[in-house]
N, C-alpha and C. Protein backbone atom coordinates (compact mmCIF):
# COMPACT_ATOMS: atom_id res chain seq x y z
N MET A 1 1.11 -1.09 0.02
CA MET A 1 0.13 0.10 -0.05
C MET A 1 1.14 1.24 0.36
N LYS A 2 0.01 2.01 -0.68
CA LYS A 2 0.82 3.60 -0.61
C LYS A 2 0.63 4.30 0.27
N ARG A 3 1.12 4.86 0.29
CA ARG A 3 1.26 6.14 1.58
C ARG A 3 1.28 7.56 1.22
N LEU A 4 0.82 8.77 0.87
CA LEU A 4 0.89 10.26 0.71
C LEU A 4 1.14 10.97 1.96
N ILE A 5 2.15 11.42 2.63
CA ILE A 5 2.30 12.41 3.33
C ILE A 5 3.17 13.82 2.97
N ARG A 6 2.47 14.98 3.74
CA ARG A 6 2.98 16.78 2.81
C ARG A 6 3.58 17.01 4.53
N LEU A 7 4.75 17.78 4.62
CA LEU A 7 4.97 18.38 5.34
C LEU A 7 5.06 19.77 4.80
N ALA A 8 3.90 20.53 5.61
CA ALA A 8 3.76 22.16 4.58
C ALA A 8 4.36 23.51 5.16
N GLY A 9 5.10 24.34 4.81
CA GLY A 9 4.96 25.61 5.39
C GLY A 9 6.13 25.46 6.06
N LEU A 10 7.44 24.41 6.25
CA LEU A 10 8.75 24.07 7.71
C LEU A 10 9.09 26.22 6.82
N THR A 11 9.45 27.03 7.69
CA THR A 11 10.30 27.71 7.95
C THR A 11 11.14 28.41 8.22
N PHE A 12 12.42 28.40 7.37
CA PHE A 12 13.29 28.87 7.79
C PHE A 12 13.96 30.31 8.04
N TYR A 13 14.79 30.44 8.68
CA TYR A 13 15.65 32.30 8.50
C TYR A 13 16.92 31.81 8.50
N ALA A 14 17.19 31.82 7.15
CA ALA A 14 18.76 31.64 6.23
C ALA A 14 19.18 32.29 5.97
N HIS A 15 20.52 32.18 5.60
CA HIS A 15 21.66 33.16 4.95
C HIS A 15 21.88 32.59 3.34
N HIS A 16 21.16 31.92 2.70
CA HIS A 16 20.83 31.72 1.78
C HIS A 16 20.93 32.44 0.29
N GLY A 17 21.32 32.76 -1.26
CA GLY A 17 20.58 33.23 -1.84
C GLY A 17 22.19 33.86 -2.93
N ALA A 18 21.68 34.04 -4.04
CA ALA A 18 23.05 34.40 -4.84
C ALA A 18 23.58 36.44 -4.18
N TYR A 19 23.09 36.77 -3.52
CA TYR A 19 23.80 38.20 -3.61
C TYR A 19 24.40 38.29 -2.09
N ARG A 20 25.58 39.09 -2.23
CA ARG A 20 26.63 38.90 -0.71
C ARG A 20 24.88 39.42 0.61
N HIS A 21 24.54 40.58 0.11
CA HIS A 21 23.72 41.14 1.29
C HIS A 21 22.32 39.72 1.69
N GLU A 22 22.34 38.95 0.78
CA GLU A 22 20.95 37.82 1.28
C GLU A 22 21.93 36.91 2.08
N GLN A 23 23.06 36.84 1.77
CA GLN A 23 23.84 35.59 2.71
C GLN A 23 24.29 36.86 3.99
N GLN A 24 24.76 37.91 3.83
CA GLN A 24 25.18 38.67 5.34
C GLN A 24 23.96 38.66 6.53
N ASN A 25 22.25 38.98 5.62
CA ASN A 25 21.58 39.61 6.21
C ASN A 25 20.62 38.44 6.60
N GLY A 26 20.40 37.49 5.94
CA GLY A 26 19.50 36.49 5.77
C GLY A 26 18.11 36.64 5.60
N GLN A 27 17.40 35.73 5.02
CA GLN A 27 16.01 35.97 5.00
C GLN A 27 15.53 34.49 5.10
N PRO A 28 13.83 34.59 5.48
CA PRO A 28 13.00 33.11 5.67
C PRO A 28 12.70 32.65 4.23
N PHE A 29 13.01 31.06 4.39
CA PHE A 29 12.47 30.27 3.19
C PHE A 29 11.23 29.25 3.55
N VAL A 30 10.24 29.01 2.64
CA VAL A 30 9.58 28.02 3.27
C VAL A 30 9.60 27.08 2.20
N VAL A 31 9.84 25.74 3.29
CA VAL A 31 9.57 24.34 2.30
C VAL A 31 8.37 23.59 2.40
N ASP A 32 8.23 22.69 1.71
CA ASP A 32 6.79 21.68 1.64
C ASP A 32 7.54 20.40 0.45
N VAL A 33 7.06 19.69 1.59
CA VAL A 33 7.76 18.20 1.52
C VAL A 33 6.67 17.22 0.84
N GLU A 34 6.24 16.75 -0.01
CA GLU A 34 5.10 15.95 -0.61
C GLU A 34 5.93 14.10 -0.71
N ILE A 35 5.91 13.68 -0.03
CA ILE A 35 6.36 11.86 -0.22
C ILE A 35 5.24 11.06 -0.07
N THR A 36 5.87 10.11 -1.30
CA THR A 36 4.77 8.52 -1.02
C THR A 36 5.81 8.16 -0.59
N TYR A 37 5.31 6.89 0.10
CA TYR A 37 6.10 5.86 0.56
C TYR A 37 5.44 4.48 0.47
N GLN A 38 6.11 3.55 0.58
CA GLN A 38 5.19 1.91 0.47
C GLN A 38 5.51 1.97 2.30
N ALA A 39 3.88 1.67 2.54
CA ALA A 39 3.24 1.07 4.18
C ALA A 39 2.75 -0.33 4.37
N LYS A 40 2.48 -0.85 5.23
CA LYS A 40 1.77 -2.25 5.57
C LYS A 40 0.71 -1.73 5.59
N ASP A 41 0.00 -2.84 4.68
CA ASP A 41 -1.67 -2.27 4.55
C ASP A 41 -2.05 -1.92 6.24
N GLY A 42 -3.05 -0.84 6.38
CA GLY A 42 -4.16 -0.91 7.66
C GLY A 42 -3.42 -0.28 8.46
N SER A 43 -1.70 -0.69 8.55
CA SER A 43 -1.21 -0.45 10.13
C SER A 43 -1.52 0.84 10.66
N ASP A 44 -1.65 1.21 11.69
CA ASP A 44 -1.50 2.10 12.79
C ASP A 44 -0.76 2.09 13.49
N ARG A 45 0.77 1.47 13.02
CA ARG A 45 2.30 1.91 13.99
C ARG A 45 2.80 2.36 13.74
N LEU A 46 3.46 3.46 14.81
CA LEU A 46 4.36 4.58 14.18
C LEU A 46 5.27 3.81 13.69
N ALA A 47 5.92 2.35 13.92
CA ALA A 47 6.86 1.86 13.46
C ALA A 47 6.60 1.47 11.97
N ASP A 48 5.77 1.41 11.44
CA ASP A 48 5.45 1.10 10.01
C ASP A 48 5.07 2.32 9.55
N ALA A 49 5.46 3.92 10.09
CA ALA A 49 5.08 5.16 9.35
C ALA A 49 6.26 5.49 9.01
N LEU A 50 6.39 6.55 8.00
CA LEU A 50 7.04 7.84 7.84
C LEU A 50 7.66 8.05 8.74
N ASP A 51 8.77 8.78 9.70
CA ASP A 51 8.63 9.65 10.31
C ASP A 51 8.86 11.01 10.56
N TYR A 52 7.68 12.06 10.64
CA TYR A 52 7.83 13.29 10.08
C TYR A 52 8.71 14.00 10.87
N ARG A 53 9.17 13.57 11.99
CA ARG A 53 10.19 14.43 12.60
C ARG A 53 11.64 14.08 12.07
N ALA A 54 11.87 12.86 11.63
CA ALA A 54 13.02 12.56 11.01
C ALA A 54 13.16 13.68 9.02
N VAL A 55 11.81 13.54 8.89
CA VAL A 55 12.53 14.22 7.89
C VAL A 55 12.55 15.85 7.61
N TYR A 56 11.83 16.10 8.77
CA TYR A 56 12.26 17.43 9.10
C TYR A 56 13.52 17.78 9.79
N THR A 57 14.33 17.16 9.95
CA THR A 57 15.69 16.73 10.48
C THR A 57 16.72 17.20 8.89
N VAL A 58 16.16 16.08 8.16
CA VAL A 58 16.60 16.11 6.82
C VAL A 58 16.62 17.38 6.41
N VAL A 59 15.63 18.26 6.24
CA VAL A 59 15.11 19.52 5.50
C VAL A 59 15.88 20.59 6.34
N ALA A 60 16.31 20.68 7.13
CA ALA A 60 16.74 21.57 8.33
C ALA A 60 18.19 21.36 8.09
N LYS A 61 18.93 20.12 8.25
CA LYS A 61 19.90 19.81 7.64
C LYS A 61 20.27 21.06 6.59
N THR A 62 20.05 20.90 5.62
CA THR A 62 19.88 21.55 4.01
C THR A 62 20.28 23.26 4.63
N MET A 63 18.59 23.61 4.73
CA MET A 63 18.37 24.98 5.50
C MET A 63 19.19 25.59 6.16
N GLU A 64 19.60 25.21 7.14
CA GLU A 64 19.96 25.60 7.93
C GLU A 64 21.91 25.19 7.97
N GLY A 65 22.26 25.01 7.17
CA GLY A 65 23.52 24.75 6.90
C GLY A 65 24.38 25.30 5.93
N GLU A 66 25.25 24.85 5.25
CA GLU A 66 26.28 26.01 4.08
C GLU A 66 25.43 26.69 3.50
N PRO A 67 25.64 27.85 2.98
CA PRO A 67 24.89 28.76 2.90
C PRO A 67 25.03 28.60 0.77
N MET A 68 23.60 28.25 0.31
CA MET A 68 23.88 27.86 -0.91
C MET A 68 22.91 29.15 -1.78
N ARG A 69 23.22 29.58 -2.85
CA ARG A 69 22.77 30.62 -4.13
C ARG A 69 21.67 30.29 -4.78
N LEU A 70 21.07 28.74 -5.07
CA LEU A 70 19.92 28.49 -5.72
C LEU A 70 18.78 27.76 -4.80
N ILE A 71 17.55 28.19 -4.97
CA ILE A 71 16.92 27.55 -4.15
C ILE A 71 16.11 26.45 -5.44
N GLU A 72 16.59 26.15 -6.11
CA GLU A 72 16.56 25.12 -7.29
C GLU A 72 17.68 24.17 -6.58
N ALA A 73 18.68 24.35 -5.97
CA ALA A 73 19.61 23.60 -5.50
C ALA A 73 19.23 22.91 -4.48
N MET A 74 18.62 23.97 -3.48
CA MET A 74 18.16 23.67 -1.87
C MET A 74 16.77 22.12 -2.00
N ALA A 75 16.10 22.76 -3.28
CA ALA A 75 15.24 21.69 -3.46
C ALA A 75 15.90 20.55 -4.02
N GLU A 76 16.70 20.43 -5.33
CA GLU A 76 17.12 18.93 -5.27
C GLU A 76 18.20 18.50 -3.76
N ARG A 77 18.44 19.06 -3.35
CA ARG A 77 19.89 18.38 -2.51
C ARG A 77 18.57 17.83 -1.12
N ILE A 78 17.53 18.59 -0.87
CA ILE A 78 16.50 18.30 0.34
C ILE A 78 16.10 16.50 -0.18
N GLY A 79 15.45 16.76 -1.93
CA GLY A 79 14.81 15.65 -2.42
C GLY A 79 16.39 14.68 -2.38
N ARG A 80 17.15 14.24 -2.33
CA ARG A 80 18.00 13.57 -2.63
C ARG A 80 18.68 12.50 -1.49
N ASP A 81 18.40 13.91 -0.70
CA ASP A 81 18.86 13.37 0.98
C ASP A 81 17.91 12.62 1.53
N VAL A 82 16.14 12.79 1.15
CA VAL A 82 15.29 12.43 1.67
C VAL A 82 15.38 10.89 1.48
N LEU A 83 15.20 10.56 -0.10
CA LEU A 83 15.47 9.26 -0.99
C LEU A 83 16.54 8.38 -0.37
N ALA A 84 17.87 9.30 0.03
CA ALA A 84 18.76 8.67 0.49
C ALA A 84 18.74 7.95 2.33
N THR A 85 17.76 8.88 2.72
CA THR A 85 17.65 8.34 4.22
C THR A 85 16.46 7.65 3.97
N PHE A 86 15.47 7.62 3.54
CA PHE A 86 14.46 6.43 4.01
C PHE A 86 14.16 5.61 2.76
N LEU A 87 14.50 4.77 3.06
CA LEU A 87 14.57 3.39 2.03
C LEU A 87 12.74 2.87 1.71
N LEU A 88 11.79 3.59 2.46
CA LEU A 88 10.40 3.39 2.00
C LEU A 88 9.98 4.27 0.92
N VAL A 89 10.79 5.71 0.97
CA VAL A 89 10.23 6.47 0.27
C VAL A 89 10.56 5.73 -1.16
N ASP A 90 9.20 6.14 -2.05
CA ASP A 90 9.56 6.06 -3.89
C ASP A 90 9.67 7.36 -4.34
N LYS A 91 9.06 8.05 -3.77
CA LYS A 91 9.03 9.26 -4.80
C LYS A 91 8.80 10.52 -3.52
N VAL A 92 9.84 11.77 -3.79
CA VAL A 92 9.84 13.03 -2.94
C VAL A 92 9.48 14.38 -4.10
N VAL A 93 8.39 15.15 -4.07
CA VAL A 93 8.38 16.40 -4.82
C VAL A 93 8.88 17.58 -2.76
N VAL A 94 9.73 18.24 -3.70
CA VAL A 94 10.48 19.26 -2.40
C VAL A 94 9.86 20.60 -3.65
N ARG A 95 9.39 21.77 -2.59
CA ARG A 95 9.13 22.84 -3.25
C ARG A 95 9.87 24.11 -1.75
N VAL A 96 10.37 24.76 -2.67
CA VAL A 96 11.09 25.89 -1.74
C VAL A 96 11.18 27.46 -2.29
N ARG A 97 10.36 27.89 -1.27
CA ARG A 97 9.50 29.25 -1.87
C ARG A 97 10.71 30.39 -0.92
N LYS A 98 10.55 31.70 -1.75
CA LYS A 98 11.32 32.38 -1.06
C LYS A 98 10.73 33.80 -1.35
N PRO A 99 10.07 34.11 -0.29
CA PRO A 99 9.12 35.05 0.11
C PRO A 99 9.76 36.53 -0.77
N TRP A 100 11.16 36.91 -0.03
CA TRP A 100 11.69 38.34 -0.61
C TRP A 100 12.63 38.11 -1.45
N ALA A 101 12.03 37.74 -2.50
CA ALA A 101 13.65 37.44 -3.75
C ALA A 101 13.59 38.83 -4.02
N PRO A 102 15.29 39.07 -4.37
CA PRO A 102 15.07 40.77 -5.00
C PRO A 102 14.96 40.76 -6.63
N LEU A 103 13.49 40.71 -6.46
CA LEU A 103 13.24 41.04 -8.21
C LEU A 103 13.01 42.54 -8.72
N GLY A 104 12.98 43.35 -7.84
CA GLY A 104 12.62 44.56 -8.37
C GLY A 104 11.63 45.34 -7.95
N GLY A 105 10.75 44.08 -7.99
CA GLY A 105 9.02 44.30 -7.71
C GLY A 105 8.38 43.62 -6.48
N LEU A 106 7.19 43.69 -6.21
CA LEU A 106 6.50 42.88 -5.54
C LEU A 106 6.08 41.42 -6.15
N SER A 107 6.03 40.66 -4.99
CA SER A 107 5.44 39.29 -5.52
C SER A 107 5.15 38.48 -4.66
N GLN A 108 4.46 37.40 -4.29
CA GLN A 108 4.35 36.76 -3.37
C GLN A 108 5.41 35.89 -3.01
N HIS A 109 5.94 35.74 -3.97
CA HIS A 109 7.32 34.71 -3.80
C HIS A 109 7.65 33.94 -4.91
N THR A 110 8.61 33.64 -5.01
CA THR A 110 9.36 32.77 -5.86
C THR A 110 9.85 31.38 -5.51
N GLU A 111 9.33 30.31 -6.32
CA GLU A 111 9.70 29.06 -6.02
C GLU A 111 10.41 28.20 -6.99
N ALA A 112 10.97 27.27 -6.27
CA ALA A 112 12.11 25.78 -7.39
C ALA A 112 10.93 24.34 -6.83
N GLU A 113 10.83 23.23 -7.74
CA GLU A 113 10.18 22.62 -7.37
C GLU A 113 11.41 21.32 -8.07
N SER A 114 11.88 20.47 -6.84
CA SER A 114 12.04 19.02 -7.53
C SER A 114 11.55 17.44 -7.29
N VAL A 115 11.24 17.07 -7.92
CA VAL A 115 11.41 15.71 -8.07
C VAL A 115 11.79 14.79 -8.09
N HIS A 116 11.85 13.78 -7.46
CA HIS A 116 12.84 12.50 -7.33
C HIS A 116 12.13 11.65 -7.10
N GLU A 117 12.55 10.31 -7.86
CA GLU A 117 11.56 8.83 -7.46
C GLU A 117 12.77 8.16 -7.85
N ARG A 118 12.33 6.91 -6.92
CA ARG A 118 13.02 5.46 -7.52
C ARG A 118 13.19 4.59 -8.88
């Protein structure tokens, strides 16, 4: 049986960005992770499920780690790390949003998506 879970709106204040002022001052980033994984039919046991806290830890490692320039690279790293860490996972979709991207005008956010499958 396959299950789908989403961790939505994971928010981090980090020092990523292509520009020096972004890396010095930091800014918020928002991450969504959608995971499809193999589960035992009808199981209600935590041991048979994907540990959401462990997934959060994988995301936080990238978001709180060494500064990266591109949100695309952040999404790709998180997706690869989730697949490498959790053998139950068949597919992971990662979205990284940057609410205050320096576009020269107003926007809700910029967003990069990365899809990884076994």
